[in-house]
């Protein structure tokens, strides 16, 4: 078999983490993007900077602080233990939480740009027809921003698939639980099993290329000719 059972297990776990992360970020990131696109608050700059922070922050730094926060002495860890959930580090949901933080700007920024591109006129026209703010958001803003939402979803999913530093800090390397594809490749390289590393890396390379191909060829935000 071209890929081992361990490889397939790692790929399946990676896809699960990426799917759950993308769905959560659609729910959480879209309202944040809408607020950033529409607000005139003085807090827009600082909050926008916080949203974009994972773009420049080393993954190990973000992973370290998340590990501290979700550990037994951290505020999040103490809360989850009181709720009977247990500690999140070195679990599937720990990976999801870390991925949500790390991929946040990849969801928010494209959606924010899509909302800003709408302008005020369509929303003002809907308001003259007595559409409520919520109705204007779901009936006007979301349909007009659909290409940006799709782009954000693709980028978020692909970025989550390729994560390494954050997931290694939070999840460690537990087979079938937290060992995602990027960590599996790292294991092969450490063990000098370059043939296995080549095979799995090739899968990741093809996947990344196909994602970019979809974005550049389909180009939902571009002009149709």
N, C-alpha and C. Protein backbone atom coordinates (compact mmCIF):
# COMPACT_ATOMS: atom_id res chain seq x y z
N UNK A 1 0.84 -1.20 0.00
CA UNK A 1 0.00 0.00 0.00
C UNK A 1 0.87 1.24 0.00
N UNK A 2 0.47 2.25 -0.78
CA UNK A 2 1.29 3.46 -0.93
C UNK A 2 1.41 4.22 0.38
N UNK A 3 0.29 4.39 1.07
CA UNK A 3 0.29 5.02 2.39
C UNK A 3 0.02 3.96 3.45
N UNK A 4 0.69 4.07 4.58
CA UNK A 4 0.49 3.11 5.65
C UNK A 4 -0.80 3.41 6.40
N UNK A 5 -1.20 2.45 7.22
CA UNK A 5 -2.40 2.65 8.04
C UNK A 5 -2.23 3.84 8.98
N UNK A 6 -1.02 4.02 9.50
CA UNK A 6 -0.73 5.16 10.38
C UNK A 6 -0.86 6.48 9.62
N UNK A 7 -0.42 6.48 8.37
CA UNK A 7 -0.56 7.69 7.53
C UNK A 7 -2.03 8.04 7.33
N UNK A 8 -2.81 7.04 6.97
CA UNK A 8 -4.24 7.28 6.74
C UNK A 8 -4.94 7.76 8.00
N UNK A 9 -4.53 7.21 9.13
CA UNK A 9 -5.09 7.64 10.42
C UNK A 9 -4.76 9.10 10.69
N UNK A 10 -3.52 9.49 10.40
CA UNK A 10 -3.10 10.87 10.61
C UNK A 10 -3.83 11.81 9.66
N UNK A 11 -4.01 11.40 8.41
CA UNK A 11 -4.71 12.22 7.43
C UNK A 11 -6.17 12.40 7.85
N UNK A 12 -6.81 11.31 8.27
CA UNK A 12 -8.21 11.38 8.69
C UNK A 12 -8.37 12.31 9.89
N UNK A 13 -7.46 12.23 10.85
CA UNK A 13 -7.51 13.12 12.01
C UNK A 13 -7.31 14.57 11.59
N UNK A 14 -6.39 14.79 10.66
CA UNK A 14 -6.14 16.15 10.16
C UNK A 14 -7.39 16.73 9.51
N UNK A 15 -8.06 15.94 8.69
CA UNK A 15 -9.27 16.41 8.01
C UNK A 15 -10.39 16.69 9.01
N UNK A 16 -10.49 15.86 10.06
CA UNK A 16 -11.51 16.10 11.09
C UNK A 16 -11.25 17.42 11.81
N UNK A 17 -10.00 17.63 12.21
CA UNK A 17 -9.66 18.87 12.91
C UNK A 17 -9.93 20.08 12.02
N UNK A 18 -9.53 19.99 10.75
CA UNK A 18 -9.72 21.11 9.82
C UNK A 18 -11.19 21.40 9.57
N UNK A 19 -11.99 20.35 9.45
CA UNK A 19 -13.43 20.53 9.20
C UNK A 19 -14.12 21.18 10.39
N UNK A 20 -13.88 20.67 11.60
CA UNK A 20 -14.51 21.22 12.79
C UNK A 20 -14.04 22.66 13.02
N UNK A 21 -12.75 22.91 12.83
CA UNK A 21 -12.21 24.26 13.00
C UNK A 21 -12.86 25.24 12.03
N UNK A 22 -13.00 24.84 10.77
CA UNK A 22 -13.60 25.72 9.77
C UNK A 22 -15.06 26.03 10.10
N UNK A 23 -15.81 25.04 10.53
CA UNK A 23 -17.21 25.26 10.88
C UNK A 23 -17.33 26.21 12.08
N UNK A 24 -16.49 26.01 13.08
CA UNK A 24 -16.51 26.90 14.25
C UNK A 24 -16.15 28.33 13.85
N UNK A 25 -15.16 28.46 12.99
CA UNK A 25 -14.72 29.80 12.60
C UNK A 25 -15.75 30.49 11.70
N UNK A 26 -16.51 29.74 10.93
CA UNK A 26 -17.61 30.36 10.20
C UNK A 26 -18.60 31.00 11.18
N UNK A 27 -18.90 30.29 12.26
CA UNK A 27 -19.87 30.78 13.24
C UNK A 27 -19.31 31.94 14.06
N UNK A 28 -18.03 31.86 14.43
CA UNK A 28 -17.43 32.88 15.29
C UNK A 28 -16.83 34.03 14.49
N UNK A 29 -16.15 33.70 13.40
CA UNK A 29 -15.42 34.71 12.65
C UNK A 29 -16.30 35.63 11.83
N UNK A 30 -17.44 35.14 11.33
CA UNK A 30 -18.30 35.96 10.48
C UNK A 30 -18.85 37.18 11.24
N UNK A 31 -19.40 37.03 12.46
CA UNK A 31 -19.84 38.22 13.19
C UNK A 31 -18.70 39.19 13.50
N UNK A 32 -17.51 38.66 13.82
CA UNK A 32 -16.37 39.53 14.08
C UNK A 32 -16.00 40.31 12.82
N UNK A 33 -15.99 39.63 11.68
CA UNK A 33 -15.68 40.29 10.41
C UNK A 33 -16.72 41.36 10.08
N UNK A 34 -17.97 41.08 10.35
CA UNK A 34 -19.04 42.05 10.10
C UNK A 34 -18.86 43.29 10.97
N UNK A 35 -18.54 43.08 12.23
CA UNK A 35 -18.32 44.22 13.13
C UNK A 35 -17.13 45.05 12.67
N UNK A 36 -16.04 44.39 12.32
CA UNK A 36 -14.85 45.12 11.86
C UNK A 36 -15.12 45.87 10.57
N UNK A 37 -15.97 45.33 9.71
CA UNK A 37 -16.26 45.97 8.43
C UNK A 37 -17.19 47.17 8.59
N UNK A 38 -18.05 47.16 9.62
CA UNK A 38 -19.08 48.18 9.74
C UNK A 38 -18.83 49.20 10.84
N UNK A 39 -18.04 48.85 11.84
CA UNK A 39 -17.91 49.73 12.99
C UNK A 39 -17.03 50.95 12.71
N UNK A 40 -17.29 51.99 13.49
CA UNK A 40 -16.44 53.18 13.49
C UNK A 40 -15.84 53.39 14.88
N UNK A 41 -15.89 52.35 15.66
CA UNK A 41 -15.38 52.41 17.03
C UNK A 41 -13.87 52.60 17.04
N UNK A 42 -13.39 53.26 18.07
CA UNK A 42 -11.94 53.44 18.21
C UNK A 42 -11.25 52.12 18.53
N UNK A 43 -12.04 51.11 18.90
CA UNK A 43 -11.49 49.79 19.21
C UNK A 43 -11.27 48.94 17.96
N UNK A 44 -11.65 49.45 16.81
CA UNK A 44 -11.49 48.65 15.59
C UNK A 44 -10.03 48.32 15.33
N UNK A 45 -9.14 49.29 15.48
CA UNK A 45 -7.72 49.06 15.24
C UNK A 45 -7.12 48.02 16.17
N UNK A 46 -7.27 48.20 17.51
CA UNK A 46 -6.71 47.20 18.42
C UNK A 46 -7.30 45.81 18.24
N UNK A 47 -8.61 45.72 18.03
CA UNK A 47 -9.23 44.40 17.87
C UNK A 47 -8.79 43.77 16.54
N UNK A 48 -8.68 44.58 15.50
CA UNK A 48 -8.19 44.07 14.22
C UNK A 48 -6.77 43.55 14.34
N UNK A 49 -5.95 44.25 15.16
CA UNK A 49 -4.57 43.80 15.37
C UNK A 49 -4.53 42.48 16.11
N UNK A 50 -5.41 42.32 17.10
CA UNK A 50 -5.47 41.06 17.86
C UNK A 50 -5.89 39.92 16.94
N UNK A 51 -6.87 40.18 16.07
CA UNK A 51 -7.33 39.15 15.13
C UNK A 51 -6.21 38.71 14.20
N UNK A 52 -5.40 39.68 13.75
CA UNK A 52 -4.32 39.38 12.80
C UNK A 52 -3.05 38.88 13.47
N UNK A 53 -3.00 38.89 14.79
CA UNK A 53 -1.77 38.55 15.51
C UNK A 53 -1.19 37.18 15.13
N UNK A 54 -2.01 36.13 14.95
CA UNK A 54 -1.43 34.83 14.58
C UNK A 54 -0.68 34.82 13.25
N UNK A 55 -0.90 35.85 12.42
CA UNK A 55 -0.18 35.91 11.15
C UNK A 55 1.31 36.17 11.35
N UNK A 56 1.65 36.87 12.42
CA UNK A 56 3.06 37.23 12.65
C UNK A 56 3.64 36.59 13.90
N UNK A 57 2.78 36.09 14.77
CA UNK A 57 3.26 35.49 16.01
C UNK A 57 3.80 34.09 15.73
N UNK A 58 5.00 33.75 16.23
CA UNK A 58 5.51 32.39 16.06
C UNK A 58 4.53 31.36 16.63
N UNK A 59 4.27 30.29 15.89
CA UNK A 59 3.32 29.28 16.38
C UNK A 59 3.68 28.71 17.75
N UNK A 60 4.98 28.59 18.02
CA UNK A 60 5.40 28.05 19.32
C UNK A 60 5.00 28.99 20.45
N UNK A 61 5.02 30.30 20.20
CA UNK A 61 4.63 31.26 21.24
C UNK A 61 3.13 31.15 21.51
N UNK A 62 2.33 31.13 20.45
CA UNK A 62 0.88 30.98 20.62
C UNK A 62 0.57 29.65 21.30
N UNK A 63 1.23 28.58 20.85
CA UNK A 63 1.00 27.27 21.45
C UNK A 63 1.37 27.23 22.91
N UNK A 64 2.46 27.90 23.27
CA UNK A 64 2.90 27.92 24.67
C UNK A 64 1.86 28.59 25.56
N UNK A 65 1.37 29.76 25.15
CA UNK A 65 0.40 30.46 25.98
C UNK A 65 -0.94 29.73 26.05
N UNK A 66 -1.32 29.10 24.96
CA UNK A 66 -2.54 28.29 25.00
C UNK A 66 -2.37 27.09 25.92
N UNK A 67 -1.18 26.50 25.90
CA UNK A 67 -0.90 25.37 26.77
C UNK A 67 -0.97 25.78 28.24
N UNK A 68 -0.41 26.94 28.54
CA UNK A 68 -0.47 27.46 29.92
C UNK A 68 -1.91 27.75 30.32
N UNK A 69 -2.66 28.40 29.43
CA UNK A 69 -4.04 28.77 29.75
C UNK A 69 -4.93 27.55 29.94
N UNK A 70 -4.70 26.50 29.15
CA UNK A 70 -5.56 25.31 29.22
C UNK A 70 -5.02 24.24 30.16
N UNK A 71 -3.85 24.49 30.76
CA UNK A 71 -3.26 23.54 31.68
C UNK A 71 -3.96 23.53 33.03
N UNK A 72 -3.54 22.68 33.96
CA UNK A 72 -4.22 22.54 35.25
C UNK A 72 -4.18 23.80 36.11
N UNK A 73 -3.19 24.66 35.89
CA UNK A 73 -3.10 25.90 36.67
C UNK A 73 -3.59 27.11 35.91
N UNK A 74 -4.02 26.93 34.68
CA UNK A 74 -4.50 28.04 33.86
C UNK A 74 -5.99 28.28 34.07
N UNK A 75 -6.46 29.47 33.73
CA UNK A 75 -7.89 29.79 33.93
C UNK A 75 -8.81 28.91 33.11
N UNK A 76 -8.44 28.63 31.88
CA UNK A 76 -9.28 27.78 31.04
C UNK A 76 -9.27 26.35 31.55
N UNK A 77 -8.10 25.86 31.95
CA UNK A 77 -7.99 24.50 32.47
C UNK A 77 -8.79 24.32 33.75
N UNK A 78 -8.74 25.30 34.64
CA UNK A 78 -9.51 25.20 35.88
C UNK A 78 -11.01 25.22 35.60
N UNK A 79 -11.40 26.04 34.60
CA UNK A 79 -12.82 26.11 34.24
C UNK A 79 -13.30 24.79 33.65
N UNK A 80 -12.54 24.21 32.71
CA UNK A 80 -12.97 22.96 32.09
C UNK A 80 -12.99 21.81 33.09
N UNK A 81 -12.10 21.84 34.08
CA UNK A 81 -12.12 20.80 35.11
C UNK A 81 -13.34 20.95 36.00
N UNK A 82 -13.70 22.19 36.34
CA UNK A 82 -14.91 22.41 37.15
C UNK A 82 -16.17 21.97 36.41
N UNK A 83 -16.15 22.14 35.08
CA UNK A 83 -17.30 21.74 34.28
C UNK A 83 -17.34 20.24 34.01
N UNK A 84 -16.31 19.53 34.46
CA UNK A 84 -16.26 18.09 34.27
C UNK A 84 -15.78 17.68 32.89
N UNK A 85 -15.25 18.64 32.11
CA UNK A 85 -14.76 18.33 30.77
C UNK A 85 -13.36 17.73 30.82
N UNK A 86 -12.60 18.11 31.83
CA UNK A 86 -11.20 17.68 31.91
C UNK A 86 -10.30 18.67 31.21
N UNK A 87 -9.02 18.39 31.18
CA UNK A 87 -8.06 19.27 30.54
C UNK A 87 -8.06 19.06 29.03
N UNK A 88 -7.91 20.15 28.29
CA UNK A 88 -7.96 20.09 26.83
C UNK A 88 -6.62 19.72 26.17
N UNK A 89 -5.47 20.10 26.73
CA UNK A 89 -4.23 19.72 26.06
C UNK A 89 -4.12 18.22 25.85
N UNK A 90 -3.53 17.84 24.71
CA UNK A 90 -3.29 16.44 24.33
C UNK A 90 -4.60 15.68 24.10
N UNK A 91 -5.62 16.45 23.62
CA UNK A 91 -6.89 15.84 23.21
C UNK A 91 -7.28 16.41 21.84
N UNK A 92 -8.27 15.77 21.22
CA UNK A 92 -8.77 16.25 19.93
C UNK A 92 -9.29 17.67 20.05
N UNK A 93 -10.07 17.94 21.10
CA UNK A 93 -10.66 19.28 21.23
C UNK A 93 -9.62 20.33 21.59
N UNK A 94 -8.54 19.91 22.21
CA UNK A 94 -7.43 20.83 22.42
C UNK A 94 -6.84 21.27 21.09
N UNK A 95 -6.69 20.31 20.16
CA UNK A 95 -6.22 20.65 18.82
C UNK A 95 -7.17 21.62 18.13
N UNK A 96 -8.46 21.40 18.30
CA UNK A 96 -9.46 22.27 17.66
C UNK A 96 -9.36 23.69 18.21
N UNK A 97 -9.27 23.82 19.53
CA UNK A 97 -9.17 25.15 20.15
C UNK A 97 -7.92 25.87 19.64
N UNK A 98 -6.79 25.18 19.63
CA UNK A 98 -5.55 25.78 19.14
C UNK A 98 -5.68 26.18 17.68
N UNK A 99 -6.31 25.34 16.87
CA UNK A 99 -6.47 25.62 15.45
C UNK A 99 -7.40 26.81 15.22
N UNK A 100 -8.42 26.94 16.04
CA UNK A 100 -9.33 28.08 15.93
C UNK A 100 -8.58 29.39 16.14
N UNK A 101 -7.75 29.44 17.16
CA UNK A 101 -6.97 30.65 17.42
C UNK A 101 -5.99 30.91 16.29
N UNK A 102 -5.30 29.87 15.85
CA UNK A 102 -4.23 30.06 14.87
C UNK A 102 -4.77 30.40 13.48
N UNK A 103 -5.95 29.91 13.14
CA UNK A 103 -6.52 30.15 11.81
C UNK A 103 -7.52 31.29 11.79
N UNK A 104 -7.72 31.95 12.91
CA UNK A 104 -8.73 33.01 13.02
C UNK A 104 -8.59 34.08 11.92
N UNK A 105 -7.40 34.64 11.69
CA UNK A 105 -7.32 35.69 10.67
C UNK A 105 -7.59 35.20 9.26
N UNK A 106 -7.36 33.91 8.99
CA UNK A 106 -7.60 33.39 7.66
C UNK A 106 -9.10 33.30 7.34
N UNK A 107 -9.93 33.30 8.38
CA UNK A 107 -11.36 33.38 8.19
C UNK A 107 -11.83 34.83 8.21
N UNK A 108 -11.39 35.60 9.18
CA UNK A 108 -11.94 36.94 9.41
C UNK A 108 -11.57 37.91 8.30
N UNK A 109 -10.32 37.94 7.91
CA UNK A 109 -9.88 38.98 6.97
C UNK A 109 -10.51 38.88 5.59
N UNK A 110 -10.60 37.69 4.95
CA UNK A 110 -11.30 37.64 3.66
C UNK A 110 -12.78 37.99 3.77
N UNK A 111 -13.43 37.58 4.85
CA UNK A 111 -14.84 37.88 5.03
C UNK A 111 -15.02 39.38 5.29
N UNK A 112 -14.14 39.96 6.09
CA UNK A 112 -14.20 41.40 6.33
C UNK A 112 -14.05 42.18 5.02
N UNK A 113 -13.10 41.78 4.20
CA UNK A 113 -12.91 42.45 2.90
C UNK A 113 -14.15 42.32 2.02
N UNK A 114 -14.79 41.15 2.08
CA UNK A 114 -16.01 40.94 1.28
C UNK A 114 -17.14 41.83 1.78
N UNK A 115 -17.28 41.95 3.08
CA UNK A 115 -18.32 42.82 3.64
C UNK A 115 -18.06 44.29 3.29
N UNK A 116 -16.80 44.71 3.36
CA UNK A 116 -16.47 46.10 3.05
C UNK A 116 -16.72 46.41 1.59
N UNK A 117 -16.55 45.41 0.72
CA UNK A 117 -16.74 45.62 -0.72
C UNK A 117 -18.21 45.83 -1.09
N UNK A 118 -19.12 45.43 -0.22
CA UNK A 118 -20.55 45.60 -0.50
C UNK A 118 -20.91 47.07 -0.59
N UNK A 119 -20.34 47.87 0.31
CA UNK A 119 -20.71 49.28 0.38
C UNK A 119 -22.00 49.47 1.17
N UNK A 120 -22.44 50.69 1.23
CA UNK A 120 -23.62 51.03 2.03
C UNK A 120 -24.93 50.98 1.25
N UNK A 121 -24.87 51.17 -0.06
CA UNK A 121 -26.11 51.32 -0.82
C UNK A 121 -27.05 50.12 -0.74
N UNK A 122 -26.57 48.88 -0.94
CA UNK A 122 -27.52 47.75 -0.84
C UNK A 122 -28.19 47.65 0.52
N UNK A 123 -27.42 47.92 1.58
CA UNK A 123 -27.99 47.85 2.93
C UNK A 123 -28.97 48.99 3.17
N UNK A 124 -28.65 50.17 2.66
CA UNK A 124 -29.56 51.31 2.80
C UNK A 124 -30.85 51.08 2.03
N UNK A 125 -30.73 50.47 0.85
CA UNK A 125 -31.92 50.16 0.06
C UNK A 125 -32.81 49.17 0.80
N UNK A 126 -32.19 48.17 1.43
CA UNK A 126 -32.97 47.20 2.20
C UNK A 126 -33.62 47.86 3.41
N UNK A 127 -32.92 48.82 4.01
CA UNK A 127 -33.48 49.52 5.16
C UNK A 127 -34.71 50.33 4.78
N UNK A 128 -34.71 50.92 3.57
CA UNK A 128 -35.88 51.69 3.12
C UNK A 128 -37.10 50.79 2.92
N UNK A 129 -36.83 49.49 2.74
CA UNK A 129 -37.93 48.53 2.60
C UNK A 129 -38.31 47.92 3.95
N UNK A 130 -37.81 48.58 5.02
CA UNK A 130 -38.13 48.20 6.40
C UNK A 130 -37.54 46.85 6.81
N UNK A 131 -36.44 46.50 6.21
CA UNK A 131 -35.75 45.28 6.63
C UNK A 131 -35.00 45.56 7.92
N UNK A 132 -35.10 44.66 8.87
CA UNK A 132 -34.40 44.83 10.14
C UNK A 132 -32.90 44.63 9.93
N UNK A 133 -32.07 45.08 10.89
CA UNK A 133 -30.62 44.85 10.75
C UNK A 133 -30.27 43.39 10.56
N UNK A 134 -30.95 42.50 11.29
CA UNK A 134 -30.67 41.08 11.15
C UNK A 134 -31.08 40.57 9.77
N UNK A 135 -32.22 41.05 9.29
CA UNK A 135 -32.70 40.66 7.97
C UNK A 135 -31.75 41.18 6.89
N UNK A 136 -31.25 42.40 7.06
CA UNK A 136 -30.31 42.96 6.08
C UNK A 136 -29.03 42.13 6.04
N UNK A 137 -28.61 41.64 7.21
CA UNK A 137 -27.38 40.85 7.27
C UNK A 137 -27.56 39.53 6.53
N UNK A 138 -28.66 38.81 6.81
CA UNK A 138 -28.85 37.49 6.23
C UNK A 138 -29.37 37.53 4.78
N UNK A 139 -30.17 38.54 4.44
CA UNK A 139 -30.78 38.60 3.11
C UNK A 139 -29.96 39.38 2.10
N UNK A 140 -29.10 40.28 2.58
CA UNK A 140 -28.35 41.13 1.66
C UNK A 140 -26.83 40.89 1.80
N UNK A 141 -26.32 41.08 3.01
CA UNK A 141 -24.86 41.04 3.20
C UNK A 141 -24.28 39.66 2.90
N UNK A 142 -24.86 38.61 3.48
CA UNK A 142 -24.31 37.28 3.29
C UNK A 142 -24.35 36.82 1.83
N UNK A 143 -25.50 36.96 1.13
CA UNK A 143 -25.50 36.54 -0.28
C UNK A 143 -24.49 37.30 -1.13
N UNK A 144 -24.36 38.60 -0.92
CA UNK A 144 -23.42 39.39 -1.71
C UNK A 144 -21.96 39.06 -1.37
N UNK A 145 -21.75 38.55 -0.17
CA UNK A 145 -20.39 38.24 0.28
C UNK A 145 -20.04 36.77 0.13
N UNK A 146 -20.90 36.01 -0.53
CA UNK A 146 -20.70 34.56 -0.62
C UNK A 146 -19.33 34.17 -1.21
N UNK A 147 -18.85 34.83 -2.28
CA UNK A 147 -17.51 34.46 -2.78
C UNK A 147 -16.42 34.62 -1.73
N UNK A 148 -16.50 35.71 -0.95
CA UNK A 148 -15.51 35.91 0.11
C UNK A 148 -15.62 34.88 1.20
N UNK A 149 -16.83 34.46 1.51
CA UNK A 149 -17.03 33.43 2.52
C UNK A 149 -16.45 32.09 2.06
N UNK A 150 -16.67 31.78 0.80
CA UNK A 150 -16.13 30.51 0.27
C UNK A 150 -14.60 30.54 0.26
N UNK A 151 -14.04 31.66 -0.15
CA UNK A 151 -12.58 31.80 -0.14
C UNK A 151 -12.04 31.66 1.27
N UNK A 152 -12.69 32.31 2.23
CA UNK A 152 -12.25 32.22 3.62
C UNK A 152 -12.32 30.80 4.13
N UNK A 153 -13.38 30.08 3.77
CA UNK A 153 -13.52 28.70 4.21
C UNK A 153 -12.42 27.81 3.64
N UNK A 154 -12.10 28.00 2.36
CA UNK A 154 -11.06 27.19 1.73
C UNK A 154 -9.70 27.48 2.36
N UNK A 155 -9.39 28.77 2.54
CA UNK A 155 -8.11 29.15 3.13
C UNK A 155 -7.98 28.65 4.57
N UNK A 156 -9.06 28.76 5.33
CA UNK A 156 -9.04 28.31 6.73
C UNK A 156 -8.81 26.81 6.80
N UNK A 157 -9.54 26.06 5.98
CA UNK A 157 -9.39 24.60 5.97
C UNK A 157 -7.97 24.21 5.59
N UNK A 158 -7.45 24.82 4.52
CA UNK A 158 -6.11 24.47 4.06
C UNK A 158 -5.04 24.86 5.08
N UNK A 159 -5.21 26.02 5.69
CA UNK A 159 -4.23 26.46 6.68
C UNK A 159 -4.23 25.54 7.89
N UNK A 160 -5.39 25.09 8.30
CA UNK A 160 -5.48 24.18 9.44
C UNK A 160 -4.84 22.84 9.13
N UNK A 161 -5.02 22.37 7.90
CA UNK A 161 -4.40 21.10 7.50
C UNK A 161 -2.88 21.18 7.60
N UNK A 162 -2.32 22.34 7.29
CA UNK A 162 -0.87 22.48 7.27
C UNK A 162 -0.24 22.88 8.59
N UNK A 163 -1.01 23.01 9.65
CA UNK A 163 -0.45 23.44 10.94
C UNK A 163 0.54 22.42 11.49
N UNK A 164 1.54 22.94 12.18
CA UNK A 164 2.52 22.05 12.81
C UNK A 164 2.87 22.51 14.22
N UNK A 165 3.45 23.70 14.34
CA UNK A 165 3.96 24.15 15.63
C UNK A 165 2.93 24.19 16.73
N UNK A 166 1.77 24.79 16.43
CA UNK A 166 0.72 24.93 17.45
C UNK A 166 0.17 23.57 17.85
N UNK A 167 -0.12 22.72 16.86
CA UNK A 167 -0.72 21.42 17.19
C UNK A 167 0.27 20.53 17.93
N UNK A 168 1.56 20.68 17.63
CA UNK A 168 2.56 19.88 18.35
C UNK A 168 2.67 20.34 19.80
N UNK A 169 2.58 21.65 20.04
CA UNK A 169 2.66 22.18 21.40
C UNK A 169 1.44 21.75 22.22
N UNK A 170 0.26 21.81 21.62
CA UNK A 170 -0.98 21.53 22.35
C UNK A 170 -1.31 20.04 22.36
N UNK A 171 -1.08 19.35 21.26
CA UNK A 171 -1.50 17.96 21.15
C UNK A 171 -0.42 16.94 21.39
N UNK A 172 0.82 17.36 21.26
CA UNK A 172 1.89 16.37 21.39
C UNK A 172 1.88 15.42 20.21
N UNK A 173 2.11 14.16 20.48
CA UNK A 173 2.27 13.19 19.39
C UNK A 173 1.67 11.85 19.82
N UNK A 174 0.34 11.85 19.99
CA UNK A 174 -0.35 10.64 20.44
C UNK A 174 -1.03 9.99 19.24
N UNK A 175 -0.61 8.78 18.83
CA UNK A 175 -1.19 8.13 17.66
C UNK A 175 -2.71 7.98 17.77
N UNK A 176 -3.41 8.37 16.73
CA UNK A 176 -4.86 8.24 16.70
C UNK A 176 -5.62 9.27 17.49
N UNK A 177 -4.91 10.10 18.24
CA UNK A 177 -5.57 11.10 19.09
C UNK A 177 -5.17 12.51 18.69
N UNK A 178 -3.85 12.75 18.59
CA UNK A 178 -3.37 14.09 18.25
C UNK A 178 -2.29 14.09 17.18
N UNK A 179 -1.93 12.95 16.66
CA UNK A 179 -0.88 12.91 15.64
C UNK A 179 -1.47 13.21 14.27
N UNK A 180 -1.37 14.47 13.86
CA UNK A 180 -1.88 14.88 12.56
C UNK A 180 -0.81 14.63 11.50
N UNK A 181 -1.15 14.93 10.24
CA UNK A 181 -0.25 14.59 9.13
C UNK A 181 1.09 15.30 9.23
N UNK A 182 1.09 16.58 9.59
CA UNK A 182 2.35 17.32 9.67
C UNK A 182 3.27 16.73 10.74
N UNK A 183 2.69 16.30 11.86
CA UNK A 183 3.49 15.68 12.93
C UNK A 183 3.99 14.31 12.49
N UNK A 184 3.17 13.59 11.72
CA UNK A 184 3.59 12.29 11.20
C UNK A 184 4.80 12.44 10.29
N UNK A 185 4.81 13.45 9.44
CA UNK A 185 5.97 13.70 8.58
C UNK A 185 7.20 14.00 9.42
N UNK A 186 7.02 14.80 10.45
CA UNK A 186 8.12 15.14 11.35
C UNK A 186 8.69 13.88 12.01
N UNK A 187 7.81 12.97 12.40
CA UNK A 187 8.25 11.71 13.00
C UNK A 187 9.10 10.90 12.03
N UNK A 188 8.65 10.83 10.76
CA UNK A 188 9.40 10.08 9.76
C UNK A 188 10.80 10.66 9.55
N UNK A 189 10.86 11.99 9.50
CA UNK A 189 12.16 12.63 9.29
C UNK A 189 13.08 12.38 10.48
N UNK A 190 12.53 12.47 11.69
CA UNK A 190 13.34 12.20 12.89
C UNK A 190 13.89 10.78 12.89
N UNK A 191 13.07 9.85 12.39
CA UNK A 191 13.49 8.45 12.36
C UNK A 191 14.29 8.10 11.11
N UNK A 192 14.58 9.13 10.27
CA UNK A 192 15.33 8.95 9.02
C UNK A 192 14.61 8.04 8.04
N UNK A 193 13.28 7.98 8.14
CA UNK A 193 12.47 7.20 7.20
C UNK A 193 12.01 8.12 6.07
N UNK A 194 12.96 8.48 5.22
CA UNK A 194 12.69 9.50 4.22
C UNK A 194 11.70 9.04 3.14
N UNK A 195 11.67 7.78 2.84
CA UNK A 195 10.73 7.29 1.83
C UNK A 195 9.29 7.50 2.29
N UNK A 196 9.03 7.15 3.55
CA UNK A 196 7.69 7.36 4.10
C UNK A 196 7.37 8.85 4.18
N UNK A 197 8.37 9.65 4.57
CA UNK A 197 8.16 11.10 4.65
C UNK A 197 7.84 11.68 3.28
N UNK A 198 8.54 11.19 2.25
CA UNK A 198 8.30 11.66 0.88
C UNK A 198 6.87 11.37 0.45
N UNK A 199 6.39 10.18 0.74
CA UNK A 199 5.04 9.80 0.31
C UNK A 199 3.97 10.69 0.94
N UNK A 200 4.06 10.86 2.26
CA UNK A 200 3.05 11.67 2.94
C UNK A 200 3.21 13.14 2.58
N UNK A 201 4.43 13.61 2.47
CA UNK A 201 4.66 15.01 2.08
C UNK A 201 4.13 15.28 0.68
N UNK A 202 4.23 14.29 -0.21
CA UNK A 202 3.72 14.44 -1.57
C UNK A 202 2.20 14.63 -1.56
N UNK A 203 1.53 13.89 -0.67
CA UNK A 203 0.07 14.05 -0.55
C UNK A 203 -0.26 15.47 -0.10
N UNK A 204 0.48 15.98 0.88
CA UNK A 204 0.24 17.34 1.37
C UNK A 204 0.56 18.38 0.29
N UNK A 205 1.60 18.12 -0.48
CA UNK A 205 1.97 19.03 -1.56
C UNK A 205 0.89 19.11 -2.62
N UNK A 206 0.37 17.96 -3.03
CA UNK A 206 -0.69 17.92 -4.03
C UNK A 206 -1.94 18.61 -3.51
N UNK A 207 -2.27 18.36 -2.24
CA UNK A 207 -3.44 19.00 -1.65
C UNK A 207 -3.29 20.52 -1.66
N UNK A 208 -2.13 21.02 -1.25
CA UNK A 208 -1.90 22.46 -1.21
C UNK A 208 -2.00 23.07 -2.60
N UNK A 209 -1.42 22.37 -3.59
CA UNK A 209 -1.49 22.87 -4.96
C UNK A 209 -2.93 22.94 -5.46
N UNK A 210 -3.73 21.91 -5.16
CA UNK A 210 -5.12 21.90 -5.61
C UNK A 210 -5.93 23.01 -4.97
N UNK A 211 -5.64 23.30 -3.70
CA UNK A 211 -6.34 24.40 -3.04
C UNK A 211 -6.03 25.72 -3.74
N UNK A 212 -4.76 25.97 -4.01
CA UNK A 212 -4.38 27.21 -4.70
C UNK A 212 -4.94 27.24 -6.12
N UNK A 213 -4.97 26.09 -6.77
CA UNK A 213 -5.52 26.02 -8.13
C UNK A 213 -7.00 26.40 -8.14
N UNK A 214 -7.73 25.91 -7.15
CA UNK A 214 -9.16 26.25 -7.04
C UNK A 214 -9.33 27.75 -6.86
N UNK A 215 -8.52 28.34 -5.98
CA UNK A 215 -8.65 29.77 -5.69
C UNK A 215 -8.29 30.62 -6.90
N UNK A 216 -7.24 30.23 -7.63
CA UNK A 216 -6.78 31.04 -8.75
C UNK A 216 -7.59 30.83 -10.03
N UNK A 217 -8.05 29.60 -10.27
CA UNK A 217 -8.81 29.34 -11.48
C UNK A 217 -10.26 29.74 -11.32
N UNK A 218 -10.85 29.32 -10.22
CA UNK A 218 -12.26 29.67 -9.98
C UNK A 218 -12.39 31.15 -9.68
N UNK A 219 -11.51 31.69 -8.82
CA UNK A 219 -11.43 33.12 -8.53
C UNK A 219 -12.80 33.73 -8.30
N UNK A 220 -13.45 33.34 -7.18
CA UNK A 220 -14.83 33.81 -6.96
C UNK A 220 -14.94 35.31 -6.85
N UNK A 221 -13.88 35.98 -6.45
CA UNK A 221 -13.96 37.43 -6.28
C UNK A 221 -13.58 38.20 -7.53
N UNK A 222 -13.10 37.48 -8.55
CA UNK A 222 -12.63 38.17 -9.74
C UNK A 222 -13.77 38.48 -10.70
N UNK A 223 -13.43 39.23 -11.74
CA UNK A 223 -14.43 39.60 -12.74
C UNK A 223 -14.59 38.48 -13.76
N UNK A 224 -15.79 38.23 -14.13
CA UNK A 224 -16.04 37.21 -15.15
C UNK A 224 -15.86 37.81 -16.53
N UNK A 225 -15.25 37.02 -17.38
CA UNK A 225 -14.97 37.52 -18.72
C UNK A 225 -15.83 36.80 -19.74
